[in-house]
Amino acid sequence: MGYTTMERHFTRELELLKRDMLNTGALALAAIRKAVSALTKRDPELAQQVIDADRPLHDRELRVEEECLKLLALYQPVASDLRFVTSVIKINSTIERTGDVAANIARRVKNLAKRPPLNVELDYETIGKNVVDMLDKALQAFVELSVDKAQEVLSMDTYVDQAYRKMNKKLIEFIKFHPDQVEDALQAMNLCRHLERAADRATDVAEQVIYIVTGRIQHQTKDREENEGTKA
């Protein structure tokens, strides 16, 4: 009977953990969505809202991590339950880094808003929409523990990579003919890179969902630099 009671408590704790993880994910999704909107509108006030929301997201990330560690210590889960809790720790960290990316985009938007637009077509709106859709679908995959939706996220990443390379190529060409605007062009390249990083974070979540369900570790197909500690 004691074991059954403990099992029931553990199941309830897992549901609470999942709910908290989803709330954290919702904050990160809102931050990315708002950062993309601030970028496309060149809106410094909206960008500041993203920056202000970064600390609460960080606090939630710490709380979810503490919950995971408590569950591991109290219940010592095995098999699929262990995979779930350890994966939530990784997803939680990934979500927090997604918030960092949103804040980095917002900081650059505040600088960008002070400068005249570059005379080059950069489709931030389309690539940003794809990034938001990827993160949204990755969180749905986690809610439903859906391998199919997780795989869709991995497929969507190809488009973002291609768009990122295309925008970078445009900016490199622009710099050749407008060396006096190299600083602004480099800022634009950094914004493209941050959007691509946000897409990478969505694929990280999707890969963890696949691991939870199947036990298979997805091997990274590209080098993902972890330089998100830079807030400039």
C-alpha atoms as a PDB file:
ATOM      1  CA  MET A   1       0.000   0.000   0.000  1.00  0.00           C
ATOM      2  CA  GLY A   2       2.859   2.361   0.851  1.00  0.00           C
ATOM      3  CA  TYR A   3       4.414   1.778  -2.558  1.00  0.00           C
ATOM      4  CA  THR A   4       1.079   2.500  -4.252  1.00  0.00           C
ATOM      5  CA  THR A   5       0.728   5.765  -2.320  1.00  0.00           C
ATOM      6  CA  MET A   6       4.272   6.762  -3.262  1.00  0.00           C
ATOM      7  CA  GLU A   7       3.601   5.867  -6.874  1.00  0.00           C
ATOM      8  CA  ARG A   8       0.460   7.993  -6.843  1.00  0.00           C
ATOM      9  CA  HIS A   9       2.366  10.930  -5.352  1.00  0.00           C
ATOM     10  CA  PHE A  10       5.101  10.546  -7.947  1.00  0.00           C
ATOM     11  CA  THR A  11       2.580  10.549 -10.815  1.00  0.00           C
ATOM     12  CA  ARG A  12       1.033  13.725  -9.444  1.00  0.00           C
ATOM     13  CA  GLU A  13       4.470  15.342  -9.072  1.00  0.00           C
ATOM     14  CA  LEU A  14       5.288  14.468 -12.693  1.00  0.00           C
ATOM     15  CA  GLU A  15       2.072  16.166 -13.850  1.00  0.00           C
ATOM     16  CA  LEU A  16       2.905  19.271 -11.813  1.00  0.00           C
ATOM     17  CA  LEU A  17       6.427  19.258 -13.246  1.00  0.00           C
ATOM     18  CA  LYS A  18       5.067  19.015 -16.777  1.00  0.00           C
ATOM     19  CA  ARG A  19       2.690  21.905 -16.128  1.00  0.00           C
ATOM     20  CA  ASP A  20       5.482  24.096 -14.738  1.00  0.00           C
ATOM     21  CA  MET A  21       7.687  23.218 -17.694  1.00  0.00           C
ATOM     22  CA  LEU A  22       4.924  24.224 -20.095  1.00  0.00           C
ATOM     23  CA  ASN A  23       4.404  27.529 -18.266  1.00  0.00           C
ATOM     24  CA  THR A  24       8.119  28.228 -18.609  1.00  0.00           C
ATOM     25  CA  GLY A  25       7.947  27.290 -22.282  1.00  0.00           C
ATOM     26  CA  ALA A  26       4.990  29.631 -22.798  1.00  0.00           C
ATOM     27  CA  LEU A  27       7.036  32.527 -21.383  1.00  0.00           C
ATOM     28  CA  ALA A  28       9.918  31.761 -23.737  1.00  0.00           C
ATOM     29  CA  LEU A  29       7.568  31.448 -26.712  1.00  0.00           C
ATOM     30  CA  ALA A  30       5.991  34.805 -25.864  1.00  0.00           C
ATOM     31  CA  ALA A  31       9.464  36.352 -25.563  1.00  0.00           C
ATOM     32  CA  ILE A  32      10.572  35.068 -28.979  1.00  0.00           C
ATOM     33  CA  ARG A  33       7.285  36.130 -30.583  1.00  0.00           C
ATOM     34  CA  LYS A  34       7.561  39.613 -29.085  1.00  0.00           C
ATOM     35  CA  ALA A  35      11.259  39.909 -29.991  1.00  0.00           C
ATOM     36  CA  VAL A  36      10.493  39.050 -33.633  1.00  0.00           C
ATOM     37  CA  SER A  37       7.670  41.604 -33.640  1.00  0.00           C
ATOM     38  CA  ALA A  38       9.980  44.252 -32.153  1.00  0.00           C
ATOM     39  CA  LEU A  39      12.553  43.443 -34.834  1.00  0.00           C
ATOM     40  CA  THR A  40      10.170  43.674 -37.782  1.00  0.00           C
ATOM     41  CA  LYS A  41       8.627  46.906 -36.434  1.00  0.00           C
ATOM     42  CA  ARG A  42      11.950  48.354 -35.192  1.00  0.00           C
ATOM     43  CA  ASP A  43      10.120  49.026 -31.918  1.00  0.00           C
ATOM     44  CA  PRO A  44      12.441  49.814 -28.968  1.00  0.00           C
ATOM     45  CA  GLU A  45       9.628  49.881 -26.388  1.00  0.00           C
ATOM     46  CA  LEU A  46       8.483  46.386 -27.334  1.00  0.00           C
ATOM     47  CA  ALA A  47      12.123  45.285 -27.248  1.00  0.00           C
ATOM     48  CA  GLN A  48      12.440  46.613 -23.693  1.00  0.00           C
ATOM     49  CA  GLN A  49       9.452  44.495 -22.632  1.00  0.00           C
ATOM     50  CA  VAL A  50      11.327  41.403 -23.823  1.00  0.00           C
ATOM     51  CA  ILE A  51      14.428  42.415 -21.864  1.00  0.00           C
ATOM     52  CA  ASP A  52      12.350  43.040 -18.716  1.00  0.00           C
ATOM     53  CA  ALA A  53      10.759  39.587 -18.998  1.00  0.00           C
ATOM     54  CA  ASP A  54      14.097  37.766 -19.098  1.00  0.00           C
ATOM     55  CA  ARG A  55      14.679  37.687 -15.334  1.00  0.00           C
ATOM     56  CA  PRO A  56      11.296  36.104 -14.435  1.00  0.00           C
ATOM     57  CA  LEU A  57      11.983  33.403 -17.035  1.00  0.00           C
ATOM     58  CA  HIS A  58      15.376  32.720 -15.469  1.00  0.00           C
ATOM     59  CA  ASP A  59      13.760  32.440 -12.025  1.00  0.00           C
ATOM     60  CA  ARG A  60      11.228  29.914 -13.327  1.00  0.00           C
ATOM     61  CA  GLU A  61      14.021  27.889 -14.908  1.00  0.00           C
ATOM     62  CA  LEU A  62      15.734  27.592 -11.525  1.00  0.00           C
ATOM     63  CA  ARG A  63      12.477  26.509  -9.880  1.00  0.00           C
ATOM     64  CA  VAL A  64      11.823  23.764 -12.434  1.00  0.00           C
ATOM     65  CA  GLU A  65      15.392  22.505 -12.072  1.00  0.00           C
ATOM     66  CA  GLU A  66      14.953  22.316  -8.305  1.00  0.00           C
ATOM     67  CA  GLU A  67      11.728  20.333  -8.785  1.00  0.00           C
ATOM     68  CA  CYS A  68      13.510  17.853 -11.060  1.00  0.00           C
ATOM     69  CA  LEU A  69      16.359  17.340  -8.612  1.00  0.00           C
ATOM     70  CA  LYS A  70      13.865  16.834  -5.771  1.00  0.00           C
ATOM     71  CA  LEU A  71      12.018  14.169  -7.763  1.00  0.00           C
ATOM     72  CA  LEU A  72      15.255  12.354  -8.572  1.00  0.00           C
ATOM     73  CA  ALA A  73      16.289  12.362  -4.915  1.00  0.00           C
ATOM     74  CA  LEU A  74      12.916  11.400  -3.406  1.00  0.00           C
ATOM     75  CA  TYR A  75      11.630   8.815  -5.880  1.00  0.00           C
ATOM     76  CA  GLN A  76      14.748   7.565  -7.684  1.00  0.00           C
ATOM     77  CA  PRO A  77      12.793   6.932 -10.906  1.00  0.00           C
ATOM     78  CA  VAL A  78      13.903   4.352 -13.458  1.00  0.00           C
ATOM     79  CA  ALA A  79      13.343   3.606 -17.166  1.00  0.00           C
ATOM     80  CA  SER A  80      10.913   5.965 -18.945  1.00  0.00           C
ATOM     81  CA  ASP A  81      10.254   8.043 -15.813  1.00  0.00           C
ATOM     82  CA  LEU A  82      13.975   8.660 -15.411  1.00  0.00           C
ATOM     83  CA  ARG A  83      14.251   9.625 -19.076  1.00  0.00           C
ATOM     84  CA  PHE A  84      11.379  12.064 -18.639  1.00  0.00           C
ATOM     85  CA  VAL A  85      12.808  13.848 -15.592  1.00  0.00           C
ATOM     86  CA  THR A  86      16.372  14.064 -16.933  1.00  0.00           C
ATOM     87  CA  SER A  87      15.052  15.293 -20.284  1.00  0.00           C
ATOM     88  CA  VAL A  88      12.960  17.961 -18.570  1.00  0.00           C
ATOM     89  CA  ILE A  89      16.160  19.232 -16.938  1.00  0.00           C
ATOM     90  CA  LYS A  90      17.712  19.609 -20.395  1.00  0.00           C
ATOM     91  CA  ILE A  91      14.569  21.071 -21.995  1.00  0.00           C
ATOM     92  CA  ASN A  92      14.250  23.510 -19.094  1.00  0.00           C
ATOM     93  CA  SER A  93      17.802  24.753 -19.648  1.00  0.00           C
ATOM     94  CA  THR A  94      17.192  25.001 -23.398  1.00  0.00           C
ATOM     95  CA  ILE A  95      14.032  27.040 -22.837  1.00  0.00           C
ATOM     96  CA  GLU A  96      15.905  29.441 -20.569  1.00  0.00           C
ATOM     97  CA  ARG A  97      18.582  29.886 -23.254  1.00  0.00           C
ATOM     98  CA  THR A  98      15.792  30.591 -25.739  1.00  0.00           C
ATOM     99  CA  GLY A  99      14.741  33.455 -23.488  1.00  0.00           C
ATOM    100  CA  ASP A 100      18.332  34.679 -23.542  1.00  0.00           C
ATOM    101  CA  VAL A 101      18.253  34.660 -27.345  1.00  0.00           C
ATOM    102  CA  ALA A 102      15.037  36.697 -27.319  1.00  0.00           C
ATOM    103  CA  ALA A 103      16.634  39.226 -24.956  1.00  0.00           C
ATOM    104  CA  ASN A 104      19.738  39.434 -27.167  1.00  0.00           C
ATOM    105  CA  ILE A 105      17.556  40.140 -30.199  1.00  0.00           C
ATOM    106  CA  ALA A 106      15.710  42.801 -28.218  1.00  0.00           C
ATOM    107  CA  ARG A 107      18.932  44.526 -27.154  1.00  0.00           C
ATOM    108  CA  ARG A 108      20.076  44.707 -30.765  1.00  0.00           C
ATOM    109  CA  VAL A 109      16.676  46.039 -31.839  1.00  0.00           C
ATOM    110  CA  LYS A 110      17.082  48.936 -29.415  1.00  0.00           C
ATOM    111  CA  ASN A 111      20.361  49.841 -31.121  1.00  0.00           C
ATOM    112  CA  LEU A 112      18.917  49.184 -34.567  1.00  0.00           C
ATOM    113  CA  ALA A 113      16.002  51.553 -33.975  1.00  0.00           C
ATOM    114  CA  LYS A 114      18.443  54.465 -33.612  1.00  0.00           C
ATOM    115  CA  ARG A 115      19.949  53.846 -37.070  1.00  0.00           C
ATOM    116  CA  PRO A 116      18.519  54.283 -40.579  1.00  0.00           C
ATOM    117  CA  PRO A 117      17.435  51.010 -42.239  1.00  0.00           C
ATOM    118  CA  LEU A 118      19.945  49.274 -44.493  1.00  0.00           C
ATOM    119  CA  ASN A 119      19.138  49.432 -48.180  1.00  0.00           C
ATOM    120  CA  VAL A 120      18.948  45.665 -48.497  1.00  0.00           C
ATOM    121  CA  GLU A 121      15.938  43.357 -48.349  1.00  0.00           C
ATOM    122  CA  LEU A 122      16.059  41.252 -45.184  1.00  0.00           C
ATOM    123  CA  ASP A 123      12.995  39.125 -44.540  1.00  0.00           C
ATOM    124  CA  TYR A 124      13.157  38.983 -40.743  1.00  0.00           C
ATOM    125  CA  GLU A 125       9.385  38.518 -40.579  1.00  0.00           C
ATOM    126  CA  THR A 126       9.268  35.217 -42.496  1.00  0.00           C
ATOM    127  CA  ILE A 127      12.279  33.635 -40.806  1.00  0.00           C
ATOM    128  CA  GLY A 128      11.004  34.890 -37.444  1.00  0.00           C
ATOM    129  CA  LYS A 129       7.577  33.364 -38.030  1.00  0.00           C
ATOM    130  CA  ASN A 130       9.203  30.026 -38.828  1.00  0.00           C
ATOM    131  CA  VAL A 131      11.277  30.188 -35.646  1.00  0.00           C
ATOM    132  CA  VAL A 132       8.166  30.932 -33.557  1.00  0.00           C
ATOM    133  CA  ASP A 133       6.280  28.089 -35.268  1.00  0.00           C
ATOM    134  CA  MET A 134       9.169  25.704 -34.578  1.00  0.00           C
ATOM    135  CA  LEU A 135       9.253  26.502 -30.869  1.00  0.00           C
ATOM    136  CA  ASP A 136       5.459  26.337 -30.615  1.00  0.00           C
ATOM    137  CA  LYS A 137       5.408  22.921 -32.310  1.00  0.00           C
ATOM    138  CA  ALA A 138       8.311  21.677 -30.166  1.00  0.00           C
ATOM    139  CA  LEU A 139       6.349  22.569 -27.027  1.00  0.00           C
ATOM    140  CA  GLN A 140       3.270  20.840 -28.457  1.00  0.00           C
ATOM    141  CA  ALA A 141       5.422  17.770 -29.111  1.00  0.00           C
ATOM    142  CA  PHE A 142       6.442  17.835 -25.446  1.00  0.00           C
ATOM    143  CA  VAL A 143       2.830  18.184 -24.241  1.00  0.00           C
ATOM    144  CA  GLU A 144       1.687  15.253 -26.365  1.00  0.00           C
ATOM    145  CA  LEU A 145       5.006  13.364 -26.282  1.00  0.00           C
ATOM    146  CA  SER A 146       4.609  13.197 -30.061  1.00  0.00           C
ATOM    147  CA  VAL A 147       7.545  11.914 -32.089  1.00  0.00           C
ATOM    148  CA  ASP A 148       5.775  12.963 -35.306  1.00  0.00           C
ATOM    149  CA  LYS A 149       5.546  16.599 -34.231  1.00  0.00           C
ATOM    150  CA  ALA A 150       9.120  16.521 -32.994  1.00  0.00           C
ATOM    151  CA  GLN A 151      10.236  15.252 -36.389  1.00  0.00           C
ATOM    152  CA  GLU A 152       8.313  18.086 -38.054  1.00  0.00           C
ATOM    153  CA  VAL A 153      10.359  20.565 -36.014  1.00  0.00           C
ATOM    154  CA  LEU A 154      13.587  18.953 -37.206  1.00  0.00           C
ATOM    155  CA  SER A 155      12.377  19.226 -40.807  1.00  0.00           C
ATOM    156  CA  MET A 156      11.449  22.909 -40.367  1.00  0.00           C
ATOM    157  CA  ASP A 157      14.984  23.674 -39.205  1.00  0.00           C
ATOM    158  CA  THR A 158      16.274  23.127 -42.741  1.00  0.00           C
ATOM    159  CA  TYR A 159      14.291  26.112 -44.023  1.00  0.00           C
ATOM    160  CA  VAL A 160      15.623  28.397 -41.282  1.00  0.00           C
ATOM    161  CA  ASP A 161      19.197  27.302 -42.002  1.00  0.00           C
ATOM    162  CA  GLN A 162      18.747  28.030 -45.697  1.00  0.00           C
ATOM    163  CA  ALA A 163      17.144  31.430 -45.019  1.00  0.00           C
ATOM    164  CA  TYR A 164      19.950  32.287 -42.578  1.00  0.00           C
ATOM    165  CA  ARG A 165      22.628  31.485 -45.153  1.00  0.00           C
ATOM    166  CA  LYS A 166      20.765  33.452 -47.828  1.00  0.00           C
ATOM    167  CA  MET A 167      20.462  36.547 -45.611  1.00  0.00           C
ATOM    168  CA  ASN A 168      24.122  36.306 -44.615  1.00  0.00           C
ATOM    169  CA  LYS A 169      25.140  36.117 -48.264  1.00  0.00           C
ATOM    170  CA  LYS A 170      23.106  39.251 -49.030  1.00  0.00           C
ATOM    171  CA  LEU A 171      24.739  41.130 -46.177  1.00  0.00           C
ATOM    172  CA  ILE A 172      28.258  40.086 -47.207  1.00  0.00           C
ATOM    173  CA  GLU A 173      27.533  41.393 -50.711  1.00  0.00           C
ATOM    174  CA  PHE A 174      26.110  44.582 -49.224  1.00  0.00           C
ATOM    175  CA  ILE A 175      29.277  45.185 -47.193  1.00  0.00           C
ATOM    176  CA  LYS A 176      31.418  44.898 -50.345  1.00  0.00           C
ATOM    177  CA  PHE A 177      29.608  47.847 -51.921  1.00  0.00           C
ATOM    178  CA  HIS A 178      28.846  49.808 -48.744  1.00  0.00           C
ATOM    179  CA  PRO A 179      31.940  49.530 -46.509  1.00  0.00           C
ATOM    180  CA  ASP A 180      30.854  52.699 -44.689  1.00  0.00           C
ATOM    181  CA  GLN A 181      27.866  50.773 -43.277  1.00  0.00           C
ATOM    182  CA  VAL A 182      29.773  47.695 -42.161  1.00  0.00           C
ATOM    183  CA  GLU A 183      28.847  48.135 -38.482  1.00  0.00           C
ATOM    184  CA  ASP A 184      25.117  48.187 -39.183  1.00  0.00           C
ATOM    185  CA  ALA A 185      25.466  45.236 -41.564  1.00  0.00           C
ATOM    186  CA  LEU A 186      27.291  43.233 -38.903  1.00  0.00           C
ATOM    187  CA  GLN A 187      24.500  44.031 -36.448  1.00  0.00           C
ATOM    188  CA  ALA A 188      22.032  42.649 -38.996  1.00  0.00           C
ATOM    189  CA  MET A 189      24.155  39.513 -39.402  1.00  0.00           C
ATOM    190  CA  ASN A 190      24.129  39.023 -35.641  1.00  0.00           C
ATOM    191  CA  LEU A 191      20.343  39.336 -35.607  1.00  0.00           C
ATOM    192  CA  CYS A 192      20.134  36.645 -38.295  1.00  0.00           C
ATOM    193  CA  ARG A 193      22.415  34.455 -36.214  1.00  0.00           C
ATOM    194  CA  HIS A 194      20.260  34.889 -33.108  1.00  0.00           C
ATOM    195  CA  LEU A 195      17.150  33.860 -35.038  1.00  0.00           C
ATOM    196  CA  GLU A 196      18.984  30.780 -36.286  1.00  0.00           C
ATOM    197  CA  ARG A 197      20.035  29.998 -32.713  1.00  0.00           C
ATOM    198  CA  ALA A 198      16.444  30.197 -31.546  1.00  0.00           C
ATOM    199  CA  ALA A 199      15.555  27.631 -34.220  1.00  0.00           C
ATOM    200  CA  ASP A 200      18.367  25.416 -32.922  1.00  0.00           C
ATOM    201  CA  ARG A 201      16.904  25.607 -29.430  1.00  0.00           C
ATOM    202  CA  ALA A 202      13.543  24.414 -30.791  1.00  0.00           C
ATOM    203  CA  THR A 203      15.253  21.429 -32.418  1.00  0.00           C
ATOM    204  CA  ASP A 204      17.003  20.692 -29.113  1.00  0.00           C
ATOM    205  CA  VAL A 205      13.594  20.440 -27.421  1.00  0.00           C
ATOM    206  CA  ALA A 206      12.270  18.234 -30.224  1.00  0.00           C
ATOM    207  CA  GLU A 207      15.267  15.898 -29.948  1.00  0.00           C
ATOM    208  CA  GLN A 208      14.680  15.513 -26.218  1.00  0.00           C
ATOM    209  CA  VAL A 209      11.031  14.627 -26.863  1.00  0.00           C
ATOM    210  CA  ILE A 210      12.171  11.888 -29.246  1.00  0.00           C
ATOM    211  CA  TYR A 211      14.541  10.627 -26.538  1.00  0.00           C
ATOM    212  CA  ILE A 212      11.778  10.596 -23.897  1.00  0.00           C
ATOM    213  CA  VAL A 213       9.492   8.517 -26.103  1.00  0.00           C
ATOM    214  CA  THR A 214      11.959   6.200 -27.849  1.00  0.00           C
ATOM    215  CA  GLY A 215      15.116   6.219 -25.749  1.00  0.00           C
ATOM    216  CA  ARG A 216      17.069   7.123 -28.891  1.00  0.00           C
ATOM    217  CA  ILE A 217      19.536   9.973 -28.705  1.00  0.00           C
ATOM    218  CA  GLN A 218      19.413  12.201 -31.778  1.00  0.00           C
ATOM    219  CA  HIS A 219      22.903  12.981 -33.027  1.00  0.00           C
ATOM    220  CA  GLN A 220      23.538  16.622 -33.848  1.00  0.00           C
ATOM    221  CA  THR A 221      24.091  17.155 -37.542  1.00  0.00           C
ATOM    222  CA  LYS A 222      25.750  20.535 -37.228  1.00  0.00           C
ATOM    223  CA  ASP A 223      28.006  22.376 -34.858  1.00  0.00           C
ATOM    224  CA  ARG A 224      25.987  24.473 -32.432  1.00  0.00           C
ATOM    225  CA  GLU A 225      28.038  27.086 -30.676  1.00  0.00           C
ATOM    226  CA  GLU A 226      26.977  27.932 -27.180  1.00  0.00           C
ATOM    227  CA  ASN A 227      27.947  31.580 -26.933  1.00  0.00           C
ATOM    228  CA  GLU A 228      24.695  32.871 -25.578  1.00  0.00           C
ATOM    229  CA  GLY A 229      26.319  34.239 -22.458  1.00  0.00           C
ATOM    230  CA  THR A 230      27.107  37.357 -24.497  1.00  0.00           C
ATOM    231  CA  LYS A 231      24.370  39.866 -23.901  1.00  0.00           C
ATOM    232  CA  ALA A 232      25.645  42.587 -26.203  1.00  0.00           C
END
